[in-house]
Amino acid sequence: MSSRIFSLPGSSASRLDGLLAAASWPIDPGRELRALVDAGCDSLPLPGSGGTLDRWRAFARVGAADLALAKVFEGHTDALAILAELGASPLAPRGSRWGVWCAEPPRNRVAIATRPGGGVTLHGVKAWCSGAACLTHALVSGWDGEGRPCLAAVSLRQAGVTLVDAGWKAAGMGAAATVNVRFDRTPAIAVGAPNAYVDRPGFLHGGAGVAACWFGGVTRIAQRLRAGAPSDPHRLAHLGAVDIAVAQARAMLRDAADAIDARPEDRCALATARARLATEAAAEEVLRRAGRALGAGPLCHEAAFAQAVADLPLFIRQSHAERDQAAHGAIVAGLAEPPWAL
């Protein structure tokens, strides 16, 4: 097993764009993820390495092509970044494809127990496992015997791993193939100490990276509005409002990337929350205005556009809406000075 070197030179960006342009519709996220990994397009700059914006630009490119693909691509590259940050990069074999399965709904808790002779075992059902059928490995959160949150790396190609729920009902993000996975005392490897996954600065950095995927979907829909706007004053009015919303989200993403690169050991909670919330707000505005401006025609006759419009509202619900706004408000209220000086 070999560690990975993360970079995004111009040739890698061009290779990514070329593979995305060549993907046939409807896009198969599993097939395209494998193509991107095999081509080295997952070798992105780590958050805080000085190339955070380049990393997020890659996410936005993939999100503009297909949001379900962006979901599994971001998860894979996030896993590689987590492994690097926690000193476990050698756990990722070349060509492996990873997920980060760390949702913690109260009725699905995975137990992580120490295994005699080394390593750990996973036991229980993990919910919200995107891309499970097309991945080779996953980082899975769970709880040790003392009730502490832990993280483990697990190979999905072994006994004791079962996909137990393929009943996705939503029209949006169906291609991401999110299911439940049952672990039955499955051998795994602990990654980091208890609490390390949630306490590390990259926990919030990665959350802002998800917003870059949303941003890609936003630009896909905004571009369709732009293409249909020139001769109609009402569409132009909607396009003007959409441009403001997209530009605001872009500015917040860029500010967050700069903050992370300037202070990689800081969680950058203010900047990352602004990036996520501004992008979520832009998505809601663009979806509302694109529908009013373009009418039903593109939604009925343009499959890729219609899928993006179905995917984006569901994907942004990875945000916690007013709960995230309240948490952000608490940060703002606790600052010594208002953070709004021009």
C-alpha atoms as a PDB file:
ATOM      1  CA  MET A   1       0.000   0.000   0.000  1.00  0.00           C
ATOM      2  CA  SER A   2       1.321   3.413  -0.915  1.00  0.00           C
ATOM      3  CA  SER A   3       0.698   6.920   0.364  1.00  0.00           C
ATOM      4  CA  ARG A   4      -0.590   9.532  -2.028  1.00  0.00           C
ATOM      5  CA  ILE A   5       0.836  12.849  -3.212  1.00  0.00           C
ATOM      6  CA  PHE A   6      -1.802  15.560  -3.522  1.00  0.00           C
ATOM      7  CA  SER A   7      -1.594  18.210  -6.234  1.00  0.00           C
ATOM      8  CA  LEU A   8      -3.688  19.701  -8.979  1.00  0.00           C
ATOM      9  CA  PRO A   9      -1.399  20.911 -11.789  1.00  0.00           C
ATOM     10  CA  GLY A  10      -2.936  22.278 -14.963  1.00  0.00           C
ATOM     11  CA  SER A  11      -2.679  18.883 -16.641  1.00  0.00           C
ATOM     12  CA  SER A  12      -4.758  17.279 -13.872  1.00  0.00           C
ATOM     13  CA  ALA A  13      -7.457  19.919 -14.198  1.00  0.00           C
ATOM     14  CA  SER A  14      -7.528  19.386 -17.950  1.00  0.00           C
ATOM     15  CA  ARG A  15      -7.705  15.616 -17.472  1.00  0.00           C
ATOM     16  CA  LEU A  16     -10.615  16.054 -15.069  1.00  0.00           C
ATOM     17  CA  ASP A  17     -12.460  18.314 -17.507  1.00  0.00           C
ATOM     18  CA  GLY A  18     -11.811  15.896 -20.360  1.00  0.00           C
ATOM     19  CA  LEU A  19     -13.185  12.901 -18.484  1.00  0.00           C
ATOM     20  CA  LEU A  20     -16.263  14.820 -17.389  1.00  0.00           C
ATOM     21  CA  ALA A  21     -16.908  16.020 -20.930  1.00  0.00           C
ATOM     22  CA  ALA A  22     -16.578  12.475 -22.263  1.00  0.00           C
ATOM     23  CA  ALA A  23     -19.005  10.946 -19.735  1.00  0.00           C
ATOM     24  CA  SER A  24     -22.207   9.824 -21.436  1.00  0.00           C
ATOM     25  CA  TRP A  25     -25.653  10.642 -20.062  1.00  0.00           C
ATOM     26  CA  PRO A  26     -27.081   9.326 -17.849  1.00  0.00           C
ATOM     27  CA  ILE A  27     -23.900   9.414 -15.805  1.00  0.00           C
ATOM     28  CA  ASP A  28     -23.087   6.293 -13.776  1.00  0.00           C
ATOM     29  CA  PRO A  29     -21.349   7.674 -10.653  1.00  0.00           C
ATOM     30  CA  GLY A  30     -19.657   4.367  -9.846  1.00  0.00           C
ATOM     31  CA  ARG A  31     -18.177   3.976 -13.307  1.00  0.00           C
ATOM     32  CA  GLU A  32     -17.115   7.609 -13.561  1.00  0.00           C
ATOM     33  CA  LEU A  33     -15.621   7.650 -10.058  1.00  0.00           C
ATOM     34  CA  ARG A  34     -13.457   4.697 -10.999  1.00  0.00           C
ATOM     35  CA  ALA A  35     -12.361   6.500 -14.174  1.00  0.00           C
ATOM     36  CA  LEU A  36     -11.476   9.640 -12.226  1.00  0.00           C
ATOM     37  CA  VAL A  37      -9.514   7.674  -9.623  1.00  0.00           C
ATOM     38  CA  ASP A  38      -7.694   5.594 -12.241  1.00  0.00           C
ATOM     39  CA  ALA A  39      -6.719   8.812 -14.048  1.00  0.00           C
ATOM     40  CA  GLY A  40      -5.330  10.356 -10.850  1.00  0.00           C
ATOM     41  CA  CYS A  41      -7.973  13.101 -10.725  1.00  0.00           C
ATOM     42  CA  ASP A  42      -8.430  12.425  -7.017  1.00  0.00           C
ATOM     43  CA  SER A  43      -4.922  13.717  -6.268  1.00  0.00           C
ATOM     44  CA  LEU A  44      -6.167  17.065  -5.006  1.00  0.00           C
ATOM     45  CA  PRO A  45      -4.457  19.584  -2.729  1.00  0.00           C
ATOM     46  CA  LEU A  46      -5.250  18.941   0.904  1.00  0.00           C
ATOM     47  CA  PRO A  47      -7.313  21.540   2.779  1.00  0.00           C
ATOM     48  CA  GLY A  48      -4.968  24.085   4.278  1.00  0.00           C
ATOM     49  CA  SER A  49      -2.106  23.173   1.951  1.00  0.00           C
ATOM     50  CA  GLY A  50      -2.220  26.455   0.014  1.00  0.00           C
ATOM     51  CA  GLY A  51      -4.397  24.967  -2.726  1.00  0.00           C
ATOM     52  CA  THR A  52      -7.776  24.728  -0.987  1.00  0.00           C
ATOM     53  CA  LEU A  53      -9.480  26.804  -3.678  1.00  0.00           C
ATOM     54  CA  ASP A  54      -8.089  24.529  -6.398  1.00  0.00           C
ATOM     55  CA  ARG A  55      -9.461  21.560  -4.468  1.00  0.00           C
ATOM     56  CA  TRP A  56     -12.897  23.156  -4.316  1.00  0.00           C
ATOM     57  CA  ARG A  57     -12.751  24.148  -7.974  1.00  0.00           C
ATOM     58  CA  ALA A  58     -12.411  20.448  -8.791  1.00  0.00           C
ATOM     59  CA  PHE A  59     -15.492  19.703  -6.681  1.00  0.00           C
ATOM     60  CA  ALA A  60     -17.414  22.467  -8.455  1.00  0.00           C
ATOM     61  CA  ARG A  61     -16.413  21.099 -11.856  1.00  0.00           C
ATOM     62  CA  VAL A  62     -17.700  17.665 -10.945  1.00  0.00           C
ATOM     63  CA  GLY A  63     -20.845  19.123  -9.368  1.00  0.00           C
ATOM     64  CA  ALA A  64     -21.617  21.063 -12.532  1.00  0.00           C
ATOM     65  CA  ALA A  65     -21.377  17.815 -14.494  1.00  0.00           C
ATOM     66  CA  ASP A  66     -23.436  15.655 -12.117  1.00  0.00           C
ATOM     67  CA  LEU A  67     -24.275  16.096  -8.446  1.00  0.00           C
ATOM     68  CA  ALA A  68     -24.528  12.386  -7.660  1.00  0.00           C
ATOM     69  CA  LEU A  69     -21.027  11.909  -9.038  1.00  0.00           C
ATOM     70  CA  ALA A  70     -19.877  14.907  -7.000  1.00  0.00           C
ATOM     71  CA  LYS A  71     -21.313  13.280  -3.890  1.00  0.00           C
ATOM     72  CA  VAL A  72     -19.184  10.142  -4.216  1.00  0.00           C
ATOM     73  CA  PHE A  73     -16.120  11.978  -5.592  1.00  0.00           C
ATOM     74  CA  GLU A  74     -16.101  14.476  -2.716  1.00  0.00           C
ATOM     75  CA  GLY A  75     -16.595  11.639  -0.232  1.00  0.00           C
ATOM     76  CA  HIS A  76     -13.679   9.703  -1.702  1.00  0.00           C
ATOM     77  CA  THR A  77     -11.319  12.685  -1.683  1.00  0.00           C
ATOM     78  CA  ASP A  78     -12.499  13.701   1.791  1.00  0.00           C
ATOM     79  CA  ALA A  79     -11.572  10.234   3.041  1.00  0.00           C
ATOM     80  CA  LEU A  80      -8.073  10.618   1.599  1.00  0.00           C
ATOM     81  CA  ALA A  81      -7.726  14.017   3.275  1.00  0.00           C
ATOM     82  CA  ILE A  82      -8.909  12.617   6.627  1.00  0.00           C
ATOM     83  CA  LEU A  83      -6.441   9.743   6.392  1.00  0.00           C
ATOM     84  CA  ALA A  84      -3.652  12.221   5.651  1.00  0.00           C
ATOM     85  CA  GLU A  85      -4.624  14.541   8.476  1.00  0.00           C
ATOM     86  CA  LEU A  86      -4.771  11.676  10.975  1.00  0.00           C
ATOM     87  CA  GLY A  87      -1.501  10.148   9.792  1.00  0.00           C
ATOM     88  CA  ALA A  88      -3.041   7.117   8.115  1.00  0.00           C
ATOM     89  CA  SER A  89      -2.489   7.701   4.382  1.00  0.00           C
ATOM     90  CA  PRO A  90      -0.772   4.301   3.908  1.00  0.00           C
ATOM     91  CA  LEU A  91      -4.150   2.653   4.551  1.00  0.00           C
ATOM     92  CA  ALA A  92      -5.343   3.745   1.092  1.00  0.00           C
ATOM     93  CA  PRO A  93      -4.167   1.308  -1.617  1.00  0.00           C
ATOM     94  CA  ARG A  94      -3.642   2.782  -5.048  1.00  0.00           C
ATOM     95  CA  GLY A  95      -6.859   2.641  -7.026  1.00  0.00           C
ATOM     96  CA  SER A  96      -9.062   2.221  -3.957  1.00  0.00           C
ATOM     97  CA  ARG A  97     -12.341   4.152  -3.793  1.00  0.00           C
ATOM     98  CA  TRP A  98     -13.516   5.425  -0.421  1.00  0.00           C
ATOM     99  CA  GLY A  99     -16.596   6.725   1.311  1.00  0.00           C
ATOM    100  CA  VAL A 100     -16.951   8.707   4.527  1.00  0.00           C
ATOM    101  CA  TRP A 101     -19.933   7.302   6.418  1.00  0.00           C
ATOM    102  CA  CYS A 102     -20.218   9.411   9.535  1.00  0.00           C
ATOM    103  CA  ALA A 103     -23.891  10.321   9.834  1.00  0.00           C
ATOM    104  CA  GLU A 104     -25.125   9.553  13.336  1.00  0.00           C
ATOM    105  CA  PRO A 105     -28.912   9.168  13.389  1.00  0.00           C
ATOM    106  CA  PRO A 106     -29.980   8.079  16.872  1.00  0.00           C
ATOM    107  CA  ARG A 107     -31.418   4.723  15.764  1.00  0.00           C
ATOM    108  CA  ASN A 108     -28.290   3.613  13.895  1.00  0.00           C
ATOM    109  CA  ARG A 109     -25.152   3.450  16.014  1.00  0.00           C
ATOM    110  CA  VAL A 110     -22.163   1.320  15.130  1.00  0.00           C
ATOM    111  CA  ALA A 111     -20.096  -0.163  17.958  1.00  0.00           C
ATOM    112  CA  ILE A 112     -16.312  -0.114  17.512  1.00  0.00           C
ATOM    113  CA  ALA A 113     -14.606  -2.718  19.707  1.00  0.00           C
ATOM    114  CA  THR A 114     -10.944  -3.574  20.146  1.00  0.00           C
ATOM    115  CA  ARG A 115     -10.065  -6.888  18.533  1.00  0.00           C
ATOM    116  CA  PRO A 116      -7.719  -9.352  20.268  1.00  0.00           C
ATOM    117  CA  GLY A 117      -4.422  -9.318  18.422  1.00  0.00           C
ATOM    118  CA  GLY A 118      -4.860  -5.809  17.065  1.00  0.00           C
ATOM    119  CA  GLY A 119      -7.325  -3.756  15.083  1.00  0.00           C
ATOM    120  CA  VAL A 120     -10.996  -3.257  15.817  1.00  0.00           C
ATOM    121  CA  THR A 121     -14.344  -4.677  14.773  1.00  0.00           C
ATOM    122  CA  LEU A 122     -17.475  -2.870  13.598  1.00  0.00           C
ATOM    123  CA  HIS A 123     -20.911  -4.059  14.619  1.00  0.00           C
ATOM    124  CA  GLY A 124     -24.276  -2.507  13.787  1.00  0.00           C
ATOM    125  CA  VAL A 125     -26.113  -0.810  10.943  1.00  0.00           C
ATOM    126  CA  LYS A 126     -24.686   2.352   9.417  1.00  0.00           C
ATOM    127  CA  ALA A 127     -27.193   4.663   7.732  1.00  0.00           C
ATOM    128  CA  TRP A 128     -26.731   7.044   4.811  1.00  0.00           C
ATOM    129  CA  CYS A 129     -23.897   5.170   3.102  1.00  0.00           C
ATOM    130  CA  SER A 130     -23.579   6.842  -0.294  1.00  0.00           C
ATOM    131  CA  GLY A 131     -22.001   4.858  -3.118  1.00  0.00           C
ATOM    132  CA  ALA A 132     -21.724   1.677  -1.061  1.00  0.00           C
ATOM    133  CA  ALA A 133     -22.025  -0.647  -4.052  1.00  0.00           C
ATOM    134  CA  CYS A 134     -19.237   1.017  -6.029  1.00  0.00           C
ATOM    135  CA  LEU A 135     -16.666   1.646  -3.281  1.00  0.00           C
ATOM    136  CA  THR A 136     -13.837  -0.568  -2.053  1.00  0.00           C
ATOM    137  CA  HIS A 137     -13.308   1.005   1.394  1.00  0.00           C
ATOM    138  CA  ALA A 138     -14.952   3.383   3.831  1.00  0.00           C
ATOM    139  CA  LEU A 139     -14.204   5.472   6.880  1.00  0.00           C
ATOM    140  CA  VAL A 140     -16.959   4.662   9.362  1.00  0.00           C
ATOM    141  CA  SER A 141     -17.751   6.525  12.559  1.00  0.00           C
ATOM    142  CA  GLY A 142     -18.905   4.686  15.650  1.00  0.00           C
ATOM    143  CA  TRP A 143     -18.654   4.506  19.400  1.00  0.00           C
ATOM    144  CA  ASP A 144     -16.250   2.647  21.641  1.00  0.00           C
ATOM    145  CA  GLY A 145     -17.065   0.925  24.913  1.00  0.00           C
ATOM    146  CA  GLU A 146     -16.617   4.184  26.823  1.00  0.00           C
ATOM    147  CA  GLY A 147     -19.105   6.053  24.632  1.00  0.00           C
ATOM    148  CA  ARG A 148     -16.480   8.037  22.752  1.00  0.00           C
ATOM    149  CA  PRO A 149     -16.793   8.819  19.017  1.00  0.00           C
ATOM    150  CA  CYS A 150     -14.222   6.892  16.999  1.00  0.00           C
ATOM    151  CA  LEU A 151     -13.322   6.366  13.362  1.00  0.00           C
ATOM    152  CA  ALA A 152     -12.292   3.173  11.569  1.00  0.00           C
ATOM    153  CA  ALA A 153     -11.149   2.250   8.061  1.00  0.00           C
ATOM    154  CA  VAL A 154     -12.825  -0.849   6.670  1.00  0.00           C
ATOM    155  CA  SER A 155     -12.532  -2.855   3.483  1.00  0.00           C
ATOM    156  CA  LEU A 156     -15.961  -3.407   1.963  1.00  0.00           C
ATOM    157  CA  ARG A 157     -14.841  -6.510   0.062  1.00  0.00           C
ATOM    158  CA  GLN A 158     -15.019  -8.953   2.942  1.00  0.00           C
ATOM    159  CA  ALA A 159     -17.461 -11.083   4.869  1.00  0.00           C
ATOM    160  CA  GLY A 160     -19.425  -9.231   7.505  1.00  0.00           C
ATOM    161  CA  VAL A 161     -20.406  -6.316   5.239  1.00  0.00           C
ATOM    162  CA  THR A 162     -23.967  -6.388   3.903  1.00  0.00           C
ATOM    163  CA  LEU A 163     -26.013  -3.808   2.025  1.00  0.00           C
ATOM    164  CA  VAL A 164     -29.369  -4.062   3.762  1.00  0.00           C
ATOM    165  CA  ASP A 165     -31.447  -1.214   2.325  1.00  0.00           C
ATOM    166  CA  ALA A 166     -31.574  -0.151  -1.320  1.00  0.00           C
ATOM    167  CA  GLY A 167     -34.959   1.508  -0.998  1.00  0.00           C
ATOM    168  CA  TRP A 168     -34.125   5.081  -1.982  1.00  0.00           C
ATOM    169  CA  LYS A 169     -37.453   6.737  -2.789  1.00  0.00           C
ATOM    170  CA  ALA A 170     -36.449  10.270  -3.761  1.00  0.00           C
ATOM    171  CA  ALA A 171     -36.210  11.393  -7.387  1.00  0.00           C
ATOM    172  CA  GLY A 172     -33.147  13.460  -6.474  1.00  0.00           C
ATOM    173  CA  MET A 173     -29.678  11.980  -5.881  1.00  0.00           C
ATOM    174  CA  GLY A 174     -30.877   8.457  -6.628  1.00  0.00           C
ATOM    175  CA  ALA A 175     -27.770   7.709  -8.667  1.00  0.00           C
ATOM    176  CA  ALA A 176     -25.606   8.209  -5.569  1.00  0.00           C
ATOM    177  CA  ALA A 177     -27.098   4.895  -4.381  1.00  0.00           C
ATOM    178  CA  THR A 178     -27.300   5.766  -0.694  1.00  0.00           C
ATOM    179  CA  VAL A 179     -28.177   2.695   1.401  1.00  0.00           C
ATOM    180  CA  ASN A 180     -27.774   1.232   4.877  1.00  0.00           C
ATOM    181  CA  VAL A 181     -24.846  -1.113   5.525  1.00  0.00           C
ATOM    182  CA  ARG A 182     -24.743  -3.784   8.221  1.00  0.00           C
ATOM    183  CA  PHE A 183     -21.433  -4.640   9.859  1.00  0.00           C
ATOM    184  CA  ASP A 184     -21.290  -7.969  11.681  1.00  0.00           C
ATOM    185  CA  ARG A 185     -18.149  -7.858  13.839  1.00  0.00           C
ATOM    186  CA  THR A 186     -16.291  -6.803  10.720  1.00  0.00           C
ATOM    187  CA  PRO A 187     -12.495  -6.404  11.025  1.00  0.00           C
ATOM    188  CA  ALA A 188     -11.306  -2.821  10.574  1.00  0.00           C
ATOM    189  CA  ILE A 189      -8.442  -0.495  11.519  1.00  0.00           C
ATOM    190  CA  ALA A 190      -8.819   2.381  13.991  1.00  0.00           C
ATOM    191  CA  VAL A 191      -7.969   5.769  12.492  1.00  0.00           C
ATOM    192  CA  GLY A 192      -6.798   8.342  14.996  1.00  0.00           C
ATOM    193  CA  ALA A 193      -7.575   8.450  18.700  1.00  0.00           C
ATOM    194  CA  PRO A 194     -11.134   8.676  20.071  1.00  0.00           C
ATOM    195  CA  ASN A 195     -12.618  12.130  19.286  1.00  0.00           C
ATOM    196  CA  ALA A 196      -9.851  12.877  16.763  1.00  0.00           C
ATOM    197  CA  TYR A 197     -12.173  12.826  13.742  1.00  0.00           C
ATOM    198  CA  VAL A 198     -14.583  15.438  15.124  1.00  0.00           C
ATOM    199  CA  ASP A 199     -11.981  17.562  16.929  1.00  0.00           C
ATOM    200  CA  ARG A 200      -9.582  18.040  14.008  1.00  0.00           C
ATOM    201  CA  PRO A 201      -9.652  21.369  12.082  1.00  0.00           C
ATOM    202  CA  GLY A 202     -10.411  19.524   8.850  1.00  0.00           C
ATOM    203  CA  PHE A 203     -13.867  18.534  10.126  1.00  0.00           C
ATOM    204  CA  LEU A 204     -15.214  22.000   9.275  1.00  0.00           C
ATOM    205  CA  HIS A 205     -12.882  22.455   6.310  1.00  0.00           C
ATOM    206  CA  GLY A 206     -14.400  19.378   4.702  1.00  0.00           C
ATOM    207  CA  GLY A 207     -17.904  20.664   5.354  1.00  0.00           C
ATOM    208  CA  ALA A 208     -17.141  23.768   3.336  1.00  0.00           C
ATOM    209  CA  GLY A 209     -15.796  21.540   0.568  1.00  0.00           C
ATOM    210  CA  VAL A 210     -19.236  19.951   0.282  1.00  0.00           C
ATOM    211  CA  ALA A 211     -20.597  23.435  -0.423  1.00  0.00           C
ATOM    212  CA  ALA A 212     -18.256  23.639  -3.409  1.00  0.00           C
ATOM    213  CA  CYS A 213     -20.112  20.623  -4.844  1.00  0.00           C
ATOM    214  CA  TRP A 214     -23.410  22.422  -4.284  1.00  0.00           C
ATOM    215  CA  PHE A 215     -21.913  25.464  -5.983  1.00  0.00           C
ATOM    216  CA  GLY A 216     -21.175  23.398  -9.073  1.00  0.00           C
ATOM    217  CA  GLY A 217     -24.839  22.379  -9.277  1.00  0.00           C
ATOM    218  CA  VAL A 218     -25.875  26.010  -8.785  1.00  0.00           C
ATOM    219  CA  THR A 219     -23.720  27.149 -11.697  1.00  0.00           C
ATOM    220  CA  ARG A 220     -25.132  24.377 -13.909  1.00  0.00           C
ATOM    221  CA  ILE A 221     -28.663  25.667 -13.393  1.00  0.00           C
ATOM    222  CA  ALA A 222     -27.628  29.332 -13.577  1.00  0.00           C
ATOM    223  CA  GLN A 223     -25.864  28.723 -16.874  1.00  0.00           C
ATOM    224  CA  ARG A 224     -29.042  27.234 -18.358  1.00  0.00           C
ATOM    225  CA  LEU A 225     -30.899  30.377 -17.339  1.00  0.00           C
ATOM    226  CA  ARG A 226     -28.165  32.535 -18.833  1.00  0.00           C
ATOM    227  CA  ALA A 227     -28.382  30.651 -22.134  1.00  0.00           C
ATOM    228  CA  GLY A 228     -32.139  31.257 -22.332  1.00  0.00           C
ATOM    229  CA  ALA A 229     -32.267  34.866 -21.138  1.00  0.00           C
ATOM    230  CA  PRO A 230     -31.094  37.390 -23.758  1.00  0.00           C
ATOM    231  CA  SER A 231     -34.341  38.364 -25.522  1.00  0.00           C
ATOM    232  CA  ASP A 232     -36.723  38.423 -22.553  1.00  0.00           C
ATOM    233  CA  PRO A 233     -36.657  41.266 -19.984  1.00  0.00           C
ATOM    234  CA  HIS A 234     -38.261  39.117 -17.290  1.00  0.00           C
ATOM    235  CA  ARG A 235     -35.658  36.400 -17.736  1.00  0.00           C
ATOM    236  CA  LEU A 236     -32.965  39.074 -17.664  1.00  0.00           C
ATOM    237  CA  ALA A 237     -34.293  40.319 -14.333  1.00  0.00           C
ATOM    238  CA  HIS A 238     -34.130  36.800 -12.936  1.00  0.00           C
ATOM    239  CA  LEU A 239     -30.641  36.371 -14.388  1.00  0.00           C
ATOM    240  CA  GLY A 240     -29.490  39.577 -12.694  1.00  0.00           C
ATOM    241  CA  ALA A 241     -30.720  38.372  -9.329  1.00  0.00           C
ATOM    242  CA  VAL A 242     -29.171  34.955  -9.898  1.00  0.00           C
ATOM    243  CA  ASP A 243     -25.810  36.522 -10.712  1.00  0.00           C
ATOM    244  CA  ILE A 244     -25.823  38.380  -7.391  1.00  0.00           C
ATOM    245  CA  ALA A 245     -26.655  35.214  -5.449  1.00  0.00           C
ATOM    246  CA  VAL A 246     -23.996  33.142  -7.219  1.00  0.00           C
ATOM    247  CA  ALA A 247     -21.370  35.870  -6.852  1.00  0.00           C
ATOM    248  CA  GLN A 248     -22.062  36.146  -3.122  1.00  0.00           C
ATOM    249  CA  ALA A 249     -21.647  32.394  -2.664  1.00  0.00           C
ATOM    250  CA  ARG A 250     -18.468  32.413  -4.751  1.00  0.00           C
ATOM    251  CA  ALA A 251     -17.027  35.215  -2.611  1.00  0.00           C
ATOM    252  CA  MET A 252     -17.767  33.323   0.615  1.00  0.00           C
ATOM    253  CA  LEU A 253     -16.193  30.134  -0.753  1.00  0.00           C
ATOM    254  CA  ARG A 254     -13.085  32.032  -1.792  1.00  0.00           C
ATOM    255  CA  ASP A 255     -12.870  33.793   1.575  1.00  0.00           C
ATOM    256  CA  ALA A 256     -13.175  30.453   3.356  1.00  0.00           C
ATOM    257  CA  ALA A 257     -10.477  28.853   1.188  1.00  0.00           C
ATOM    258  CA  ASP A 258      -8.147  31.792   1.905  1.00  0.00           C
ATOM    259  CA  ALA A 259      -8.853  31.569   5.644  1.00  0.00           C
ATOM    260  CA  ILE A 260      -8.155  27.832   5.738  1.00  0.00           C
ATOM    261  CA  ASP A 261      -4.887  28.216   3.840  1.00  0.00           C
ATOM    262  CA  ALA A 262      -3.820  31.117   6.060  1.00  0.00           C
ATOM    263  CA  ARG A 263      -4.653  29.228   9.301  1.00  0.00           C
ATOM    264  CA  PRO A 264      -4.749  25.499   8.559  1.00  0.00           C
ATOM    265  CA  GLU A 265      -4.667  24.597  12.275  1.00  0.00           C
ATOM    266  CA  ASP A 266      -7.747  26.728  12.920  1.00  0.00           C
ATOM    267  CA  ARG A 267     -11.259  25.323  12.339  1.00  0.00           C
ATOM    268  CA  CYS A 268     -12.206  28.648  10.656  1.00  0.00           C
ATOM    269  CA  ALA A 269     -15.744  28.204  11.938  1.00  0.00           C
ATOM    270  CA  LEU A 270     -16.965  31.676  10.915  1.00  0.00           C
ATOM    271  CA  ALA A 271     -15.652  31.480   7.351  1.00  0.00           C
ATOM    272  CA  THR A 272     -16.697  27.872   6.690  1.00  0.00           C
ATOM    273  CA  ALA A 273     -20.219  28.446   8.015  1.00  0.00           C
ATOM    274  CA  ARG A 274     -20.587  31.531   5.839  1.00  0.00           C
ATOM    275  CA  ALA A 275     -19.506  29.519   2.800  1.00  0.00           C
ATOM    276  CA  ARG A 276     -22.007  26.738   3.442  1.00  0.00           C
ATOM    277  CA  LEU A 277     -24.924  29.012   4.324  1.00  0.00           C
ATOM    278  CA  ALA A 278     -24.280  31.426   1.451  1.00  0.00           C
ATOM    279  CA  THR A 279     -24.122  28.569  -1.038  1.00  0.00           C
ATOM    280  CA  GLU A 280     -27.287  27.022   0.359  1.00  0.00           C
ATOM    281  CA  ALA A 281     -29.050  30.394   0.038  1.00  0.00           C
ATOM    282  CA  ALA A 282     -27.779  30.778  -3.534  1.00  0.00           C
ATOM    283  CA  ALA A 283     -29.056  27.316  -4.419  1.00  0.00           C
ATOM    284  CA  GLU A 284     -32.524  28.130  -3.124  1.00  0.00           C
ATOM    285  CA  GLU A 285     -32.595  31.444  -4.983  1.00  0.00           C
ATOM    286  CA  VAL A 286     -31.345  29.975  -8.250  1.00  0.00           C
ATOM    287  CA  LEU A 287     -33.791  27.071  -8.130  1.00  0.00           C
ATOM    288  CA  ARG A 288     -36.706  29.428  -7.494  1.00  0.00           C
ATOM    289  CA  ARG A 289     -35.792  31.929 -10.177  1.00  0.00           C
ATOM    290  CA  ALA A 290     -34.758  29.409 -12.835  1.00  0.00           C
ATOM    291  CA  GLY A 291     -38.128  27.698 -12.588  1.00  0.00           C
ATOM    292  CA  ARG A 292     -40.029  30.982 -12.865  1.00  0.00           C
ATOM    293  CA  ALA A 293     -37.877  32.238 -15.737  1.00  0.00           C
ATOM    294  CA  LEU A 294     -37.656  29.105 -17.867  1.00  0.00           C
ATOM    295  CA  GLY A 295     -41.015  27.508 -17.200  1.00  0.00           C
ATOM    296  CA  ALA A 296     -41.753  23.818 -17.561  1.00  0.00           C
ATOM    297  CA  GLY A 297     -40.099  23.219 -20.928  1.00  0.00           C
ATOM    298  CA  PRO A 298     -36.520  22.466 -19.838  1.00  0.00           C
ATOM    299  CA  LEU A 299     -37.771  20.447 -16.860  1.00  0.00           C
ATOM    300  CA  CYS A 300     -39.830  18.256 -19.175  1.00  0.00           C
ATOM    301  CA  HIS A 301     -37.508  17.933 -22.161  1.00  0.00           C
ATOM    302  CA  GLU A 302     -33.895  18.307 -20.929  1.00  0.00           C
ATOM    303  CA  ALA A 303     -33.000  15.265 -18.865  1.00  0.00           C
ATOM    304  CA  ALA A 304     -29.662  16.469 -17.477  1.00  0.00           C
ATOM    305  CA  PHE A 305     -31.091  19.841 -16.461  1.00  0.00           C
ATOM    306  CA  ALA A 306     -34.153  18.247 -14.882  1.00  0.00           C
ATOM    307  CA  GLN A 307     -31.932  15.866 -12.922  1.00  0.00           C
ATOM    308  CA  ALA A 308     -29.805  18.735 -11.619  1.00  0.00           C
ATOM    309  CA  VAL A 309     -32.960  20.545 -10.492  1.00  0.00           C
ATOM    310  CA  ALA A 310     -34.100  17.374  -8.693  1.00  0.00           C
ATOM    311  CA  ASP A 311     -30.680  16.642  -7.162  1.00  0.00           C
ATOM    312  CA  LEU A 312     -29.720  20.058  -5.808  1.00  0.00           C
ATOM    313  CA  PRO A 313     -32.566  20.590  -3.279  1.00  0.00           C
ATOM    314  CA  LEU A 314     -31.898  17.188  -1.749  1.00  0.00           C
ATOM    315  CA  PHE A 315     -28.112  17.580  -1.696  1.00  0.00           C
ATOM    316  CA  ILE A 316     -28.255  20.928   0.119  1.00  0.00           C
ATOM    317  CA  ARG A 317     -30.315  19.265   2.842  1.00  0.00           C
ATOM    318  CA  GLN A 318     -26.989  17.893   4.016  1.00  0.00           C
ATOM    319  CA  SER A 319     -27.076  21.298   5.672  1.00  0.00           C
ATOM    320  CA  HIS A 320     -29.093  21.493   8.892  1.00  0.00           C
ATOM    321  CA  ALA A 321     -30.927  24.663   7.825  1.00  0.00           C
ATOM    322  CA  GLU A 322     -31.982  26.829  10.788  1.00  0.00           C
ATOM    323  CA  ARG A 323     -29.871  24.773  13.189  1.00  0.00           C
ATOM    324  CA  ASP A 324     -26.763  25.716  11.215  1.00  0.00           C
ATOM    325  CA  GLN A 325     -27.918  29.328  11.053  1.00  0.00           C
ATOM    326  CA  ALA A 326     -28.444  29.361  14.823  1.00  0.00           C
ATOM    327  CA  ALA A 327     -24.994  27.877  15.446  1.00  0.00           C
ATOM    328  CA  HIS A 328     -23.475  30.481  13.155  1.00  0.00           C
ATOM    329  CA  GLY A 329     -25.429  33.243  14.900  1.00  0.00           C
ATOM    330  CA  ALA A 330     -24.042  32.107  18.243  1.00  0.00           C
ATOM    331  CA  ILE A 331     -20.502  32.486  16.877  1.00  0.00           C
ATOM    332  CA  VAL A 332     -21.265  35.985  15.593  1.00  0.00           C
ATOM    333  CA  ALA A 333     -22.904  36.996  18.870  1.00  0.00           C
ATOM    334  CA  GLY A 334     -19.871  35.826  20.828  1.00  0.00           C
ATOM    335  CA  LEU A 335     -17.297  37.866  18.900  1.00  0.00           C
ATOM    336  CA  ALA A 336     -15.633  40.762  20.678  1.00  0.00           C
ATOM    337  CA  GLU A 337     -16.360  43.082  17.753  1.00  0.00           C
ATOM    338  CA  PRO A 338     -18.878  42.969  14.893  1.00  0.00           C
ATOM    339  CA  PRO A 339     -17.232  41.191  11.922  1.00  0.00           C
ATOM    340  CA  TRP A 340     -18.591  43.527   9.258  1.00  0.00           C
ATOM    341  CA  ALA A 341     -16.043  46.336   8.869  1.00  0.00           C
ATOM    342  CA  LEU A 342     -15.499  47.143   5.182  1.00  0.00           C
END
